């Protein structure tokens, strides 16, 4: 018997493509994305500056003043009260 050639197999069928909704596609950095990044950068910069000036206490005080409307003063930044002037040293008449 002569050798028989095996029949060629058909390629496997490819699965159908599933359409991706427009809401899930990544944008190209529209106005909303850029604005959010700018605001996040400004907020991060304010936190960094306050941390460098007074450490974690200064950051906590800034956040409380900004969002909780609580006026906290960090212990490091508290200054001594000025001496009161009497009538002898008052300005004006």
PDB file of N, CA and C in Angstrom:
ATOM      1  N   UNK A   1       0.814  -1.170   0.000  1.00  0.00           N
ATOM      2  CA  UNK A   1       0.000   0.000   0.000  1.00  0.00           C
ATOM      3  C   UNK A   1       0.868   1.247   0.000  1.00  0.00           C
ATOM      4  N   UNK A   2       0.529   2.152  -0.903  1.00  0.00           N
ATOM      5  CA  UNK A   2       1.323   3.374  -0.914  1.00  0.00           C
ATOM      6  C   UNK A   2       0.972   4.251   0.296  1.00  0.00           C
ATOM      7  N   UNK A   3       1.957   5.023   0.758  1.00  0.00           N
ATOM      8  CA  UNK A   3       1.642   5.901   1.920  1.00  0.00           C
ATOM      9  C   UNK A   3       0.590   6.940   1.526  1.00  0.00           C
ATOM     10  N   UNK A   4      -0.315   7.111   2.422  1.00  0.00           N
ATOM     11  CA  UNK A   4      -1.385   8.081   2.146  1.00  0.00           C
ATOM     12  C   UNK A   4      -1.067   9.404   2.840  1.00  0.00           C
ATOM     13  N   UNK A   5      -1.347  10.453   2.187  1.00  0.00           N
ATOM     14  CA  UNK A   5      -1.117  11.780   2.769  1.00  0.00           C
ATOM     15  C   UNK A   5      -2.274  12.122   3.698  1.00  0.00           C
ATOM     16  N   UNK A   6      -1.886  12.667   4.816  1.00  0.00           N
ATOM     17  CA  UNK A   6      -2.938  13.060   5.764  1.00  0.00           C
ATOM     18  C   UNK A   6      -3.628  14.323   5.249  1.00  0.00           C
ATOM     19  N   UNK A   7      -4.910  14.407   5.417  1.00  0.00           N
ATOM     20  CA  UNK A   7      -5.605  15.606   4.942  1.00  0.00           C
ATOM     21  C   UNK A   7      -5.212  16.823   5.817  1.00  0.00           C
ATOM     22  N   UNK A   8      -5.107  17.949   5.161  1.00  0.00           N
ATOM     23  CA  UNK A   8      -4.740  19.174   5.896  1.00  0.00           C
ATOM     24  C   UNK A   8      -5.899  19.592   6.792  1.00  0.00           C
ATOM     25  N   UNK A   9      -5.526  20.037   8.001  1.00  0.00           N
ATOM     26  CA  UNK A   9      -6.556  20.478   8.948  1.00  0.00           C
ATOM     27  C   UNK A   9      -6.832  21.960   8.715  1.00  0.00           C
ATOM     28  N   UNK A  10      -8.063  22.308   8.844  1.00  0.00           N
ATOM     29  CA  UNK A  10      -8.460  23.709   8.685  1.00  0.00           C
ATOM     30  C   UNK A  10      -8.006  24.488   9.920  1.00  0.00           C
ATOM     31  N   UNK A  11      -7.621  25.762   9.746  1.00  0.00           N
ATOM     32  CA  UNK A  11      -7.210  26.547  10.915  1.00  0.00           C
ATOM     33  C   UNK A  11      -8.374  26.700  11.904  1.00  0.00           C
ATOM     34  N   UNK A  12      -8.004  26.837  13.151  1.00  0.00           N
ATOM     35  CA  UNK A  12      -9.031  26.972  14.195  1.00  0.00           C
ATOM     36  C   UNK A  12      -9.799  28.269  13.974  1.00  0.00           C
ATOM     37  N   UNK A  13     -11.079  28.232  14.182  1.00  0.00           N
ATOM     38  CA  UNK A  13     -11.865  29.455  13.978  1.00  0.00           C
ATOM     39  C   UNK A  13     -11.509  30.489  15.059  1.00  0.00           C
ATOM     40  N   UNK A  14     -11.440  31.740  14.648  1.00  0.00           N
ATOM     41  CA  UNK A  14     -11.138  32.812  15.598  1.00  0.00           C
ATOM     42  C   UNK A  14     -12.426  33.227  16.300  1.00  0.00           C
ATOM     43  N   UNK A  15     -12.323  33.531  17.603  1.00  0.00           N
ATOM     44  CA  UNK A  15     -13.540  33.940  18.308  1.00  0.00           C
ATOM     45  C   UNK A  15     -13.995  35.311  17.814  1.00  0.00           C
ATOM     46  N   UNK A  16     -15.265  35.567  17.862  1.00  0.00           N
ATOM     47  CA  UNK A  16     -15.761  36.869  17.392  1.00  0.00           C
ATOM     48  C   UNK A  16     -15.269  37.978  18.338  1.00  0.00           C
ATOM     49  N   UNK A  17     -14.992  39.138  17.768  1.00  0.00           N
ATOM     50  CA  UNK A  17     -14.533  40.265  18.588  1.00  0.00           C
ATOM     51  C   UNK A  17     -15.698  40.848  19.351  1.00  0.00           C
ATOM     52  N   UNK A  18     -15.424  41.148  20.614  1.00  0.00           N
ATOM     53  CA  UNK A  18     -16.443  41.748  21.463  1.00  0.00           C
ATOM     54  C   UNK A  18     -16.228  43.253  21.426  1.00  0.00           C
ATOM     55  N   UNK A  19     -17.234  44.024  21.094  1.00  0.00           N
ATOM     56  CA  UNK A  19     -17.048  45.481  21.041  1.00  0.00           C
ATOM     57  C   UNK A  19     -16.866  46.057  22.445  1.00  0.00           C
ATOM     58  N   UNK A  20     -15.954  47.013  22.568  1.00  0.00           N
ATOM     59  CA  UNK A  20     -15.686  47.672  23.844  1.00  0.00           C
ATOM     60  C   UNK A  20     -16.505  48.962  23.877  1.00  0.00           C
ATOM     61  N   UNK A  21     -17.268  49.179  24.950  1.00  0.00           N
ATOM     62  CA  UNK A  21     -18.061  50.419  25.033  1.00  0.00           C
ATOM     63  C   UNK A  21     -17.145  51.650  25.073  1.00  0.00           C
ATOM     64  N   UNK A  22     -17.664  52.740  24.560  1.00  0.00           N
ATOM     65  CA  UNK A  22     -16.877  53.972  24.520  1.00  0.00           C
ATOM     66  C   UNK A  22     -16.478  54.443  25.918  1.00  0.00           C
ATOM     67  N   UNK A  23     -17.299  54.157  26.918  1.00  0.00           N
ATOM     68  CA  UNK A  23     -17.000  54.608  28.280  1.00  0.00           C
ATOM     69  C   UNK A  23     -15.768  53.914  28.848  1.00  0.00           C
ATOM     70  N   UNK A  24     -15.445  52.722  28.349  1.00  0.00           N
ATOM     71  CA  UNK A  24     -14.297  51.983  28.869  1.00  0.00           C
ATOM     72  C   UNK A  24     -13.008  52.263  28.096  1.00  0.00           C
ATOM     73  N   UNK A  25     -13.108  52.897  26.957  1.00  0.00           N
ATOM     74  CA  UNK A  25     -11.907  53.210  26.184  1.00  0.00           C
ATOM     75  C   UNK A  25     -11.167  54.354  26.841  1.00  0.00           C
ATOM     76  N   UNK A  26      -9.852  54.286  26.825  1.00  0.00           N
ATOM     77  CA  UNK A  26      -9.041  55.324  27.461  1.00  0.00           C
ATOM     78  C   UNK A  26      -9.017  56.553  26.562  1.00  0.00           C
ATOM     79  N   UNK A  27      -9.237  57.705  27.187  1.00  0.00           N
ATOM     80  CA  UNK A  27      -9.235  58.958  26.453  1.00  0.00           C
ATOM     81  C   UNK A  27      -7.818  59.411  26.155  1.00  0.00           C
ATOM     82  N   UNK A  28      -7.702  60.494  25.438  1.00  0.00           N
ATOM     83  CA  UNK A  28      -6.387  61.010  25.082  1.00  0.00           C
ATOM     84  C   UNK A  28      -6.016  62.230  25.917  1.00  0.00           C
ATOM     85  N   UNK A  29      -6.543  62.341  27.139  1.00  0.00           N
ATOM     86  CA  UNK A  29      -6.189  63.457  28.010  1.00  0.00           C
ATOM     87  C   UNK A  29      -6.994  64.694  27.710  1.00  0.00           C
ATOM     88  N   UNK A  30      -8.283  64.577  27.774  1.00  0.00           N
ATOM     89  CA  UNK A  30      -9.148  65.719  27.502  1.00  0.00           C
ATOM     90  C   UNK A  30      -9.067  66.757  28.609  1.00  0.00           C
ATOM     91  N   UNK A  31      -9.962  67.710  28.556  1.00  0.00           N
ATOM     92  CA  UNK A  31      -9.945  68.821  29.518  1.00  0.00           C
ATOM     93  C   UNK A  31     -10.172  68.336  30.945  1.00  0.00           C
ATOM     94  N   UNK A  32     -11.012  67.341  31.136  1.00  0.00           N
ATOM     95  CA  UNK A  32     -11.295  66.857  32.484  1.00  0.00           C
ATOM     96  C   UNK A  32     -10.060  66.202  33.092  1.00  0.00           C
ATOM     97  N   UNK A  33      -9.355  65.386  32.326  1.00  0.00           N
ATOM     98  CA  UNK A  33      -8.154  64.729  32.837  1.00  0.00           C
ATOM     99  C   UNK A  33      -7.073  65.750  33.160  1.00  0.00           C
ATOM    100  N   UNK A  34      -6.880  66.719  32.313  1.00  0.00           N
ATOM    101  CA  UNK A  34      -5.849  67.726  32.522  1.00  0.00           C
ATOM    102  C   UNK A  34      -6.176  68.588  33.731  1.00  0.00           C
ATOM    103  N   UNK A  35      -7.421  68.996  33.871  1.00  0.00           N
ATOM    104  CA  UNK A  35      -7.822  69.811  35.014  1.00  0.00           C
ATOM    105  C   UNK A  35      -7.655  69.068  36.322  1.00  0.00           C
ATOM    106  N   UNK A  36      -7.994  67.789  36.337  1.00  0.00           N
ATOM    107  CA  UNK A  36      -7.843  66.998  37.555  1.00  0.00           C
ATOM    108  C   UNK A  36      -6.368  66.867  37.923  1.00  0.00           C
ATOM    109  N   UNK A  37      -5.508  66.700  36.941  1.00  0.00           N
ATOM    110  CA  UNK A  37      -4.081  66.605  37.209  1.00  0.00           C
ATOM    111  C   UNK A  37      -3.503  67.900  37.756  1.00  0.00           C
ATOM    112  N   UNK A  38      -3.977  69.021  37.230  1.00  0.00           N
ATOM    113  CA  UNK A  38      -3.496  70.321  37.711  1.00  0.00           C
ATOM    114  C   UNK A  38      -3.927  70.533  39.157  1.00  0.00           C
ATOM    115  N   UNK A  39      -5.182  70.238  39.476  1.00  0.00           N
ATOM    116  CA  UNK A  39      -5.651  70.409  40.848  1.00  0.00           C
ATOM    117  C   UNK A  39      -4.915  69.476  41.814  1.00  0.00           C
ATOM    118  N   UNK A  40      -4.670  68.260  41.388  1.00  0.00           N
ATOM    119  CA  UNK A  40      -3.925  67.321  42.224  1.00  0.00           C
ATOM    120  C   UNK A  40      -2.503  67.813  42.456  1.00  0.00           C
ATOM    121  N   UNK A  41      -1.880  68.386  41.438  1.00  0.00           N
ATOM    122  CA  UNK A  41      -0.540  68.933  41.575  1.00  0.00           C
ATOM    123  C   UNK A  41      -0.490  70.119  42.517  1.00  0.00           C
ATOM    124  N   UNK A  42      -1.475  71.002  42.442  1.00  0.00           N
ATOM    125  CA  UNK A  42      -1.529  72.160  43.340  1.00  0.00           C
ATOM    126  C   UNK A  42      -1.711  71.700  44.781  1.00  0.00           C
ATOM    127  N   UNK A  43      -2.590  70.742  44.990  1.00  0.00           N
ATOM    128  CA  UNK A  43      -2.835  70.214  46.329  1.00  0.00           C
ATOM    129  C   UNK A  43      -1.576  69.533  46.879  1.00  0.00           C
ATOM    130  N   UNK A  44      -0.907  68.750  46.044  1.00  0.00           N
ATOM    131  CA  UNK A  44       0.331  68.093  46.464  1.00  0.00           C
ATOM    132  C   UNK A  44       1.424  69.097  46.782  1.00  0.00           C
ATOM    133  N   UNK A  45       1.506  70.157  46.001  1.00  0.00           N
ATOM    134  CA  UNK A  45       2.512  71.199  46.242  1.00  0.00           C
ATOM    135  C   UNK A  45       2.269  71.884  47.582  1.00  0.00           C
ATOM    136  N   UNK A  46       1.008  72.191  47.881  1.00  0.00           N
ATOM    137  CA  UNK A  46       0.684  72.824  49.167  1.00  0.00           C
ATOM    138  C   UNK A  46       1.049  71.909  50.336  1.00  0.00           C
ATOM    139  N   UNK A  47       0.780  70.616  50.201  1.00  0.00           N
ATOM    140  CA  UNK A  47       1.145  69.675  51.260  1.00  0.00           C
ATOM    141  C   UNK A  47       2.659  69.603  51.432  1.00  0.00           C
ATOM    142  N   UNK A  48       3.389  69.575  50.330  1.00  0.00           N
ATOM    143  CA  UNK A  48       4.850  69.494  50.396  1.00  0.00           C
ATOM    144  C   UNK A  48       5.436  70.741  51.044  1.00  0.00           C
ATOM    145  N   UNK A  49       4.968  71.915  50.664  1.00  0.00           N
ATOM    146  CA  UNK A  49       5.492  73.159  51.236  1.00  0.00           C
ATOM    147  C   UNK A  49       5.221  73.209  52.737  1.00  0.00           C
ATOM    148  N   UNK A  50       4.017  72.835  53.153  1.00  0.00           N
ATOM    149  CA  UNK A  50       3.706  72.834  54.581  1.00  0.00           C
ATOM    150  C   UNK A  50       4.522  71.808  55.337  1.00  0.00           C
ATOM    151  N   UNK A  51       4.790  70.669  54.731  1.00  0.00           N
ATOM    152  CA  UNK A  51       5.616  69.652  55.386  1.00  0.00           C
ATOM    153  C   UNK A  51       7.049  70.151  55.558  1.00  0.00           C
ATOM    154  N   UNK A  52       7.575  70.814  54.547  1.00  0.00           N
ATOM    155  CA  UNK A  52       8.941  71.320  54.641  1.00  0.00           C
ATOM    156  C   UNK A  52       9.055  72.458  55.650  1.00  0.00           C
ATOM    157  N   UNK A  53       8.009  73.244  55.806  1.00  0.00           N
ATOM    158  CA  UNK A  53       8.050  74.370  56.749  1.00  0.00           C
ATOM    159  C   UNK A  53       7.902  73.928  58.199  1.00  0.00           C
ATOM    160  N   UNK A  54       7.041  72.946  58.463  1.00  0.00           N
ATOM    161  CA  UNK A  54       6.780  72.624  59.860  1.00  0.00           C
ATOM    162  C   UNK A  54       6.583  71.159  60.177  1.00  0.00           C
ATOM    163  N   UNK A  55       6.837  70.280  59.233  1.00  0.00           N
ATOM    164  CA  UNK A  55       6.688  68.856  59.500  1.00  0.00           C
ATOM    165  C   UNK A  55       5.235  68.406  59.478  1.00  0.00           C
ATOM    166  N   UNK A  56       4.990  67.222  60.018  1.00  0.00           N
ATOM    167  CA  UNK A  56       3.635  66.659  59.980  1.00  0.00           C
ATOM    168  C   UNK A  56       2.604  67.504  60.731  1.00  0.00           C
ATOM    169  N   UNK A  57       3.030  68.191  61.805  1.00  0.00           N
ATOM    170  CA  UNK A  57       2.087  69.037  62.541  1.00  0.00           C
ATOM    171  C   UNK A  57       1.567  70.183  61.699  1.00  0.00           C
ATOM    172  N   UNK A  58       2.442  70.755  60.885  1.00  0.00           N
ATOM    173  CA  UNK A  58       2.045  71.858  60.001  1.00  0.00           C
ATOM    174  C   UNK A  58       1.071  71.358  58.935  1.00  0.00           C
ATOM    175  N   UNK A  59       1.310  70.164  58.406  1.00  0.00           N
ATOM    176  CA  UNK A  59       0.412  69.592  57.388  1.00  0.00           C
ATOM    177  C   UNK A  59      -0.963  69.335  58.007  1.00  0.00           C
ATOM    178  N   UNK A  60      -0.977  68.773  59.219  1.00  0.00           N
ATOM    179  CA  UNK A  60      -2.250  68.504  59.894  1.00  0.00           C
ATOM    180  C   UNK A  60      -3.004  69.812  60.153  1.00  0.00           C
ATOM    181  N   UNK A  61      -2.285  70.838  60.579  1.00  0.00           N
ATOM    182  CA  UNK A  61      -2.924  72.131  60.829  1.00  0.00           C
ATOM    183  C   UNK A  61      -3.480  72.717  59.537  1.00  0.00           C
ATOM    184  N   UNK A  62      -2.730  72.613  58.432  1.00  0.00           N
ATOM    185  CA  UNK A  62      -3.194  73.148  57.156  1.00  0.00           C
ATOM    186  C   UNK A  62      -4.452  72.424  56.684  1.00  0.00           C
ATOM    187  N   UNK A  63      -4.437  71.092  56.794  1.00  0.00           N
ATOM    188  CA  UNK A  63      -5.607  70.322  56.375  1.00  0.00           C
ATOM    189  C   UNK A  63      -6.824  70.647  57.243  1.00  0.00           C
ATOM    190  N   UNK A  64      -6.612  70.819  58.554  1.00  0.00           N
ATOM    191  CA  UNK A  64      -7.722  71.169  59.437  1.00  0.00           C
ATOM    192  C   UNK A  64      -8.267  72.554  59.114  1.00  0.00           C
ATOM    193  N   UNK A  65      -7.376  73.501  58.858  1.00  0.00           N
ATOM    194  CA  UNK A  65      -7.819  74.849  58.515  1.00  0.00           C
ATOM    195  C   UNK A  65      -8.560  74.867  57.181  1.00  0.00           C
ATOM    196  N   UNK A  66      -8.092  74.072  56.243  1.00  0.00           N
ATOM    197  CA  UNK A  66      -8.643  74.098  54.891  1.00  0.00           C
ATOM    198  C   UNK A  66      -9.989  73.386  54.793  1.00  0.00           C
ATOM    199  N   UNK A  67     -10.092  72.204  55.403  1.00  0.00           N
ATOM    200  CA  UNK A  67     -11.264  71.368  55.162  1.00  0.00           C
ATOM    201  C   UNK A  67     -12.189  71.205  56.367  1.00  0.00           C
ATOM    202  N   UNK A  68     -11.691  71.331  57.591  1.00  0.00           N
ATOM    203  CA  UNK A  68     -12.525  71.126  58.771  1.00  0.00           C
ATOM    204  C   UNK A  68     -12.904  72.460  59.400  1.00  0.00           C
ATOM    205  N   UNK A  69     -12.268  73.544  58.937  1.00  0.00           N
ATOM    206  CA  UNK A  69     -12.473  74.887  59.483  1.00  0.00           C
ATOM    207  C   UNK A  69     -12.167  74.936  60.973  1.00  0.00           C
ATOM    208  N   UNK A  70     -11.114  74.228  61.355  1.00  0.00           N
ATOM    209  CA  UNK A  70     -10.619  74.231  62.716  1.00  0.00           C
ATOM    210  C   UNK A  70      -9.272  74.919  62.691  1.00  0.00           C
ATOM    211  N   UNK A  71      -9.098  75.941  63.490  1.00  0.00           N
ATOM    212  CA  UNK A  71      -7.851  76.689  63.473  1.00  0.00           C
ATOM    213  C   UNK A  71      -6.853  76.054  64.430  1.00  0.00           C
ATOM    214  N   UNK A  72      -6.064  75.134  63.937  1.00  0.00           N
ATOM    215  CA  UNK A  72      -5.022  74.492  64.728  1.00  0.00           C
ATOM    216  C   UNK A  72      -3.693  75.169  64.435  1.00  0.00           C
ATOM    217  N   UNK A  73      -2.928  75.394  65.458  1.00  0.00           N
ATOM    218  CA  UNK A  73      -1.589  75.953  65.288  1.00  0.00           C
ATOM    219  C   UNK A  73      -0.608  74.899  65.771  1.00  0.00           C
ATOM    220  N   UNK A  74       0.323  74.477  64.930  1.00  0.00           N
ATOM    221  CA  UNK A  74       1.291  73.476  65.376  1.00  0.00           C
ATOM    222  C   UNK A  74       2.137  74.022  66.522  1.00  0.00           C
ATOM    223  N   UNK A  75       2.578  73.154  67.409  1.00  0.00           N
ATOM    224  CA  UNK A  75       3.319  73.577  68.589  1.00  0.00           C
ATOM    225  C   UNK A  75       4.639  74.243  68.238  1.00  0.00           C
ATOM    226  N   UNK A  76       5.268  73.852  67.162  1.00  0.00           N
ATOM    227  CA  UNK A  76       6.544  74.439  66.770  1.00  0.00           C
ATOM    228  C   UNK A  76       6.406  75.889  66.321  1.00  0.00           C
ATOM    229  N   UNK A  77       5.281  76.237  65.727  1.00  0.00           N
ATOM    230  CA  UNK A  77       5.127  77.533  65.091  1.00  0.00           C
ATOM    231  C   UNK A  77       4.568  78.591  66.051  1.00  0.00           C
ATOM    232  N   UNK A  78       4.116  78.197  67.230  1.00  0.00           N
ATOM    233  CA  UNK A  78       3.498  79.140  68.157  1.00  0.00           C
ATOM    234  C   UNK A  78       4.538  80.171  68.596  1.00  0.00           C
ATOM    235  N   UNK A  79       4.191  81.425  68.464  1.00  0.00           N
ATOM    236  CA  UNK A  79       5.107  82.484  68.882  1.00  0.00           C
ATOM    237  C   UNK A  79       4.679  83.025  70.241  1.00  0.00           C
ATOM    238  N   UNK A  80       5.602  83.701  70.916  1.00  0.00           N
ATOM    239  CA  UNK A  80       5.299  84.275  72.223  1.00  0.00           C
ATOM    240  C   UNK A  80       4.397  85.496  72.029  1.00  0.00           C
ATOM    241  N   UNK A  81       3.481  85.729  72.970  1.00  0.00           N
ATOM    242  CA  UNK A  81       2.625  86.904  72.833  1.00  0.00           C
ATOM    243  C   UNK A  81       3.435  88.186  73.020  1.00  0.00           C
ATOM    244  N   UNK A  82       3.033  89.214  72.323  1.00  0.00           N
ATOM    245  CA  UNK A  82       3.720  90.496  72.439  1.00  0.00           C
ATOM    246  C   UNK A  82       3.332  91.159  73.751  1.00  0.00           C
ATOM    247  N   UNK A  83       4.265  91.857  74.370  1.00  0.00           N
ATOM    248  CA  UNK A  83       3.916  92.551  75.621  1.00  0.00           C
ATOM    249  C   UNK A  83       2.915  93.682  75.346  1.00  0.00           C
ATOM    250  N   UNK A  84       1.995  93.854  76.273  1.00  0.00           N
ATOM    251  CA  UNK A  84       0.979  94.888  76.126  1.00  0.00           C
ATOM    252  C   UNK A  84       1.573  96.241  76.497  1.00  0.00           C
ATOM    253  N   UNK A  85       1.255  97.241  75.731  1.00  0.00           N
ATOM    254  CA  UNK A  85       1.723  98.595  76.041  1.00  0.00           C
ATOM    255  C   UNK A  85       0.709  99.290  76.937  1.00  0.00           C
ATOM    256  N   UNK A  86       1.210  99.986  77.892  1.00  0.00           N
ATOM    257  CA  UNK A  86       0.338 100.722  78.794  1.00  0.00           C
ATOM    258  C   UNK A  86      -0.037 102.073  78.204  1.00  0.00           C
ATOM    259  N   UNK A  87      -0.766 102.897  78.956  1.00  0.00           N
ATOM    260  CA  UNK A  87      -1.184 104.208  78.449  1.00  0.00           C
ATOM    261  C   UNK A  87      -0.004 105.141  78.191  1.00  0.00           C
ATOM    262  N   UNK A  88       1.100 104.905  78.885  1.00  0.00           N
ATOM    263  CA  UNK A  88       2.277 105.746  78.713  1.00  0.00           C
ATOM    264  C   UNK A  88       2.865 105.598  77.321  1.00  0.00           C
ATOM    265  N   UNK A  89       2.776 104.395  76.783  1.00  0.00           N
ATOM    266  CA  UNK A  89       3.393 104.116  75.488  1.00  0.00           C
ATOM    267  C   UNK A  89       2.389 104.077  74.347  1.00  0.00           C
ATOM    268  N   UNK A  90       1.172 104.483  74.584  1.00  0.00           N
ATOM    269  CA  UNK A  90       0.158 104.395  73.521  1.00  0.00           C
ATOM    270  C   UNK A  90       0.447 105.438  72.452  1.00  0.00           C
ATOM    271  N   UNK A  91       0.074 105.139  71.266  1.00  0.00           N
ATOM    272  CA  UNK A  91       0.284 106.038  70.134  1.00  0.00           C
ATOM    273  C   UNK A  91      -0.906 106.970  70.022  1.00  0.00           C
ATOM    274  N   UNK A  92      -0.688 108.064  69.407  1.00  0.00           N
ATOM    275  CA  UNK A  92      -1.780 109.003  69.197  1.00  0.00           C
ATOM    276  C   UNK A  92      -1.932 109.922  70.398  1.00  0.00           C
ATOM    277  N   UNK A  93      -3.067 110.585  70.500  1.00  0.00           N
ATOM    278  CA  UNK A  93      -3.270 111.555  71.580  1.00  0.00           C
ATOM    279  C   UNK A  93      -3.857 110.946  72.781  1.00  0.00           C
TER     280      UNK A  93
END
